[in-house]
Amino acid sequence: MTAVLEHQPPVSQDRGALAKMVMTLLDHWKLPTEDQAALLGIAASNRAALTRYRKGEAIGTSRDQFERVGHLLGIHKNLRLLFPQNRDLAYRWMSTRNKAFDNLTPVDIVKEWGFAGLLMVRAYLDRARGV
């Protein structure tokens, strides 16, 4: 059993890879720093954290943040499956006004409702995919 554990990367390394992955996603979505922070559940003024995550520092040290990252990646997966031939639309969707959200953007919903807003956006896309 020890041999199996030796070959697995440390948890912080996994969370470092997650950090880079989610920061790349937020860059593809072309969101301002304030919106990136809001989606990750950190203070808008905490630009240093975003810089550290870009460099691969472990993200998701709290359960809230770890779950947010999972939902953001799930949103991305849904968008890529819903718009397989239109990557530009998949990347613009989070910052595009949507009638389903009272003409707010999905990012606005997350900023207004916090974690619950993130769940609302994810659930909307899950339903759109028939999941």
C-alpha atoms as a PDB file:
ATOM      1  CA  MET A   1       0.000   0.000   0.000  1.00  0.00           C
ATOM      2  CA  THR A   2       2.887   2.365   0.685  1.00  0.00           C
ATOM      3  CA  ALA A   3       4.163   1.906  -2.879  1.00  0.00           C
ATOM      4  CA  VAL A   4       0.841   3.097  -4.279  1.00  0.00           C
ATOM      5  CA  LEU A   5       0.900   6.276  -2.183  1.00  0.00           C
ATOM      6  CA  GLU A   6       4.472   7.086  -3.194  1.00  0.00           C
ATOM      7  CA  HIS A   7       3.482   7.397  -6.867  1.00  0.00           C
ATOM      8  CA  GLN A   8       0.623   9.810  -6.264  1.00  0.00           C
ATOM      9  CA  PRO A   9       1.427  13.521  -6.437  1.00  0.00           C
ATOM     10  CA  PRO A  10       0.966  15.491  -3.245  1.00  0.00           C
ATOM     11  CA  VAL A  11      -2.405  17.138  -2.750  1.00  0.00           C
ATOM     12  CA  SER A  12      -0.829  20.602  -3.000  1.00  0.00           C
ATOM     13  CA  GLN A  13       0.609  19.657  -6.406  1.00  0.00           C
ATOM     14  CA  ASP A  14      -2.857  18.564  -7.607  1.00  0.00           C
ATOM     15  CA  ARG A  15      -4.352  21.808  -6.361  1.00  0.00           C
ATOM     16  CA  GLY A  16      -1.566  23.749  -8.025  1.00  0.00           C
ATOM     17  CA  ALA A  17      -2.473  22.152 -11.346  1.00  0.00           C
ATOM     18  CA  LEU A  18      -6.134  22.985 -10.665  1.00  0.00           C
ATOM     19  CA  ALA A  19      -5.147  26.595  -9.995  1.00  0.00           C
ATOM     20  CA  LYS A  20      -3.369  26.906 -13.330  1.00  0.00           C
ATOM     21  CA  MET A  21      -6.256  25.211 -15.109  1.00  0.00           C
ATOM     22  CA  VAL A  22      -8.956  27.483 -13.676  1.00  0.00           C
ATOM     23  CA  MET A  23      -6.860  30.620 -14.221  1.00  0.00           C
ATOM     24  CA  THR A  24      -6.373  29.641 -17.867  1.00  0.00           C
ATOM     25  CA  LEU A  25     -10.133  29.182 -18.117  1.00  0.00           C
ATOM     26  CA  LEU A  26     -10.800  32.617 -16.595  1.00  0.00           C
ATOM     27  CA  ASP A  27      -8.330  34.096 -19.095  1.00  0.00           C
ATOM     28  CA  HIS A  28     -10.190  32.410 -21.975  1.00  0.00           C
ATOM     29  CA  TRP A  29     -13.403  33.927 -20.641  1.00  0.00           C
ATOM     30  CA  LYS A  30     -11.618  37.335 -20.803  1.00  0.00           C
ATOM     31  CA  LEU A  31     -12.964  38.412 -17.430  1.00  0.00           C
ATOM     32  CA  PRO A  32     -11.621  41.421 -15.532  1.00  0.00           C
ATOM     33  CA  THR A  33      -9.687  40.748 -12.336  1.00  0.00           C
ATOM     34  CA  GLU A  34     -12.661  41.759 -10.167  1.00  0.00           C
ATOM     35  CA  ASP A  35     -14.893  39.168 -11.851  1.00  0.00           C
ATOM     36  CA  GLN A  36     -12.225  36.471 -11.638  1.00  0.00           C
ATOM     37  CA  ALA A  37     -11.929  37.085  -7.909  1.00  0.00           C
ATOM     38  CA  ALA A  38     -15.719  37.020  -7.480  1.00  0.00           C
ATOM     39  CA  LEU A  39     -16.016  33.670  -9.251  1.00  0.00           C
ATOM     40  CA  LEU A  40     -13.324  32.243  -6.988  1.00  0.00           C
ATOM     41  CA  GLY A  41     -14.916  33.725  -3.865  1.00  0.00           C
ATOM     42  CA  ILE A  42     -12.008  35.971  -2.932  1.00  0.00           C
ATOM     43  CA  ALA A  43     -11.871  39.723  -2.334  1.00  0.00           C
ATOM     44  CA  ALA A  44     -11.654  41.827  -5.492  1.00  0.00           C
ATOM     45  CA  SER A  45      -8.615  43.531  -3.991  1.00  0.00           C
ATOM     46  CA  ASN A  46      -6.758  40.212  -3.640  1.00  0.00           C
ATOM     47  CA  ARG A  47      -4.895  40.386  -6.942  1.00  0.00           C
ATOM     48  CA  ALA A  48      -1.905  38.714  -5.284  1.00  0.00           C
ATOM     49  CA  ALA A  49      -3.874  35.478  -4.856  1.00  0.00           C
ATOM     50  CA  LEU A  50      -4.778  35.450  -8.543  1.00  0.00           C
ATOM     51  CA  THR A  51      -1.120  35.930  -9.441  1.00  0.00           C
ATOM     52  CA  ARG A  52      -0.096  33.081  -7.136  1.00  0.00           C
ATOM     53  CA  TYR A  53      -2.729  30.766  -8.675  1.00  0.00           C
ATOM     54  CA  ARG A  54      -1.469  31.614 -12.166  1.00  0.00           C
ATOM     55  CA  LYS A  55       1.983  30.451 -11.045  1.00  0.00           C
ATOM     56  CA  GLY A  56       0.541  27.161  -9.786  1.00  0.00           C
ATOM     57  CA  GLU A  57       0.197  27.808  -6.070  1.00  0.00           C
ATOM     58  CA  ALA A  58      -2.368  25.451  -4.559  1.00  0.00           C
ATOM     59  CA  ILE A  59      -5.953  26.652  -4.843  1.00  0.00           C
ATOM     60  CA  GLY A  60      -8.937  25.405  -2.938  1.00  0.00           C
ATOM     61  CA  THR A  61      -7.487  25.338   0.542  1.00  0.00           C
ATOM     62  CA  SER A  62     -11.036  25.961   1.763  1.00  0.00           C
ATOM     63  CA  ARG A  63     -13.908  23.691   0.824  1.00  0.00           C
ATOM     64  CA  ASP A  64     -15.827  26.669  -0.627  1.00  0.00           C
ATOM     65  CA  GLN A  65     -13.043  27.569  -3.006  1.00  0.00           C
ATOM     66  CA  PHE A  66     -12.355  23.960  -3.980  1.00  0.00           C
ATOM     67  CA  GLU A  67     -16.045  23.467  -4.815  1.00  0.00           C
ATOM     68  CA  ARG A  68     -16.136  26.752  -6.757  1.00  0.00           C
ATOM     69  CA  VAL A  69     -13.262  25.543  -8.928  1.00  0.00           C
ATOM     70  CA  GLY A  70     -15.128  22.294  -9.569  1.00  0.00           C
ATOM     71  CA  HIS A  71     -18.278  24.150 -10.593  1.00  0.00           C
ATOM     72  CA  LEU A  72     -16.350  26.557 -12.839  1.00  0.00           C
ATOM     73  CA  LEU A  73     -14.719  23.627 -14.624  1.00  0.00           C
ATOM     74  CA  GLY A  74     -18.146  21.955 -14.857  1.00  0.00           C
ATOM     75  CA  ILE A  75     -19.588  25.117 -16.402  1.00  0.00           C
ATOM     76  CA  HIS A  76     -16.759  25.117 -18.929  1.00  0.00           C
ATOM     77  CA  LYS A  77     -17.381  21.470 -19.781  1.00  0.00           C
ATOM     78  CA  ASN A  78     -21.092  22.139 -20.289  1.00  0.00           C
ATOM     79  CA  LEU A  79     -20.376  25.110 -22.539  1.00  0.00           C
ATOM     80  CA  ARG A  80     -17.925  23.131 -24.658  1.00  0.00           C
ATOM     81  CA  LEU A  81     -20.512  20.342 -25.028  1.00  0.00           C
ATOM     82  CA  LEU A  82     -23.350  22.763 -25.809  1.00  0.00           C
ATOM     83  CA  PHE A  83     -21.308  24.737 -28.353  1.00  0.00           C
ATOM     84  CA  PRO A  84     -18.815  22.232 -29.772  1.00  0.00           C
ATOM     85  CA  GLN A  85     -18.396  24.097 -33.071  1.00  0.00           C
ATOM     86  CA  ASN A  86     -18.294  27.587 -31.560  1.00  0.00           C
ATOM     87  CA  ARG A  87     -15.453  27.985 -29.070  1.00  0.00           C
ATOM     88  CA  ASP A  88     -15.812  31.794 -29.168  1.00  0.00           C
ATOM     89  CA  LEU A  89     -19.424  31.563 -27.980  1.00  0.00           C
ATOM     90  CA  ALA A  90     -18.449  29.069 -25.281  1.00  0.00           C
ATOM     91  CA  TYR A  91     -15.837  31.525 -23.990  1.00  0.00           C
ATOM     92  CA  ARG A  92     -18.116  34.603 -24.272  1.00  0.00           C
ATOM     93  CA  TRP A  93     -21.155  32.992 -22.659  1.00  0.00           C
ATOM     94  CA  MET A  94     -20.272  33.845 -19.047  1.00  0.00           C
ATOM     95  CA  SER A  95     -20.141  37.567 -19.855  1.00  0.00           C
ATOM     96  CA  THR A  96     -23.149  37.661 -22.207  1.00  0.00           C
ATOM     97  CA  ARG A  97     -26.540  38.883 -21.001  1.00  0.00           C
ATOM     98  CA  ASN A  98     -29.091  36.077 -20.740  1.00  0.00           C
ATOM     99  CA  LYS A  99     -32.885  36.323 -20.556  1.00  0.00           C
ATOM    100  CA  ALA A 100     -32.907  33.319 -18.225  1.00  0.00           C
ATOM    101  CA  PHE A 101     -31.035  35.475 -15.685  1.00  0.00           C
ATOM    102  CA  ASP A 102     -33.250  38.583 -16.010  1.00  0.00           C
ATOM    103  CA  ASN A 103     -30.935  39.923 -18.701  1.00  0.00           C
ATOM    104  CA  LEU A 104     -27.910  39.774 -16.401  1.00  0.00           C
ATOM    105  CA  THR A 105     -24.735  37.923 -17.311  1.00  0.00           C
ATOM    106  CA  PRO A 106     -23.907  34.634 -15.591  1.00  0.00           C
ATOM    107  CA  VAL A 107     -20.951  36.440 -13.962  1.00  0.00           C
ATOM    108  CA  ASP A 108     -23.394  39.061 -12.609  1.00  0.00           C
ATOM    109  CA  ILE A 109     -25.474  36.258 -11.093  1.00  0.00           C
ATOM    110  CA  VAL A 110     -22.441  34.855  -9.291  1.00  0.00           C
ATOM    111  CA  LYS A 111     -21.404  38.310  -8.104  1.00  0.00           C
ATOM    112  CA  GLU A 112     -24.905  38.997  -6.781  1.00  0.00           C
ATOM    113  CA  TRP A 113     -25.679  35.610  -5.251  1.00  0.00           C
ATOM    114  CA  GLY A 114     -22.221  34.248  -4.420  1.00  0.00           C
ATOM    115  CA  PHE A 115     -21.872  30.481  -4.255  1.00  0.00           C
ATOM    116  CA  ALA A 116     -25.634  30.052  -4.748  1.00  0.00           C
ATOM    117  CA  GLY A 117     -25.337  32.045  -7.987  1.00  0.00           C
ATOM    118  CA  LEU A 118     -22.580  29.747  -9.183  1.00  0.00           C
ATOM    119  CA  LEU A 119     -24.854  26.784  -8.501  1.00  0.00           C
ATOM    120  CA  MET A 120     -27.704  28.509 -10.390  1.00  0.00           C
ATOM    121  CA  VAL A 121     -25.520  28.994 -13.474  1.00  0.00           C
ATOM    122  CA  ARG A 122     -24.247  25.426 -13.334  1.00  0.00           C
ATOM    123  CA  ALA A 123     -27.773  24.034 -12.881  1.00  0.00           C
ATOM    124  CA  TYR A 124     -29.039  26.098 -15.820  1.00  0.00           C
ATOM    125  CA  LEU A 125     -26.350  24.614 -18.080  1.00  0.00           C
ATOM    126  CA  ASP A 126     -26.917  21.101 -16.719  1.00  0.00           C
ATOM    127  CA  ARG A 127     -30.616  21.435 -17.626  1.00  0.00           C
ATOM    128  CA  ALA A 128     -29.732  22.821 -21.077  1.00  0.00           C
ATOM    129  CA  ARG A 129     -27.680  19.667 -21.659  1.00  0.00           C
ATOM    130  CA  GLY A 130     -30.471  17.449 -20.347  1.00  0.00           C
ATOM    131  CA  VAL A 131     -28.395  16.240 -17.406  1.00  0.00           C
END
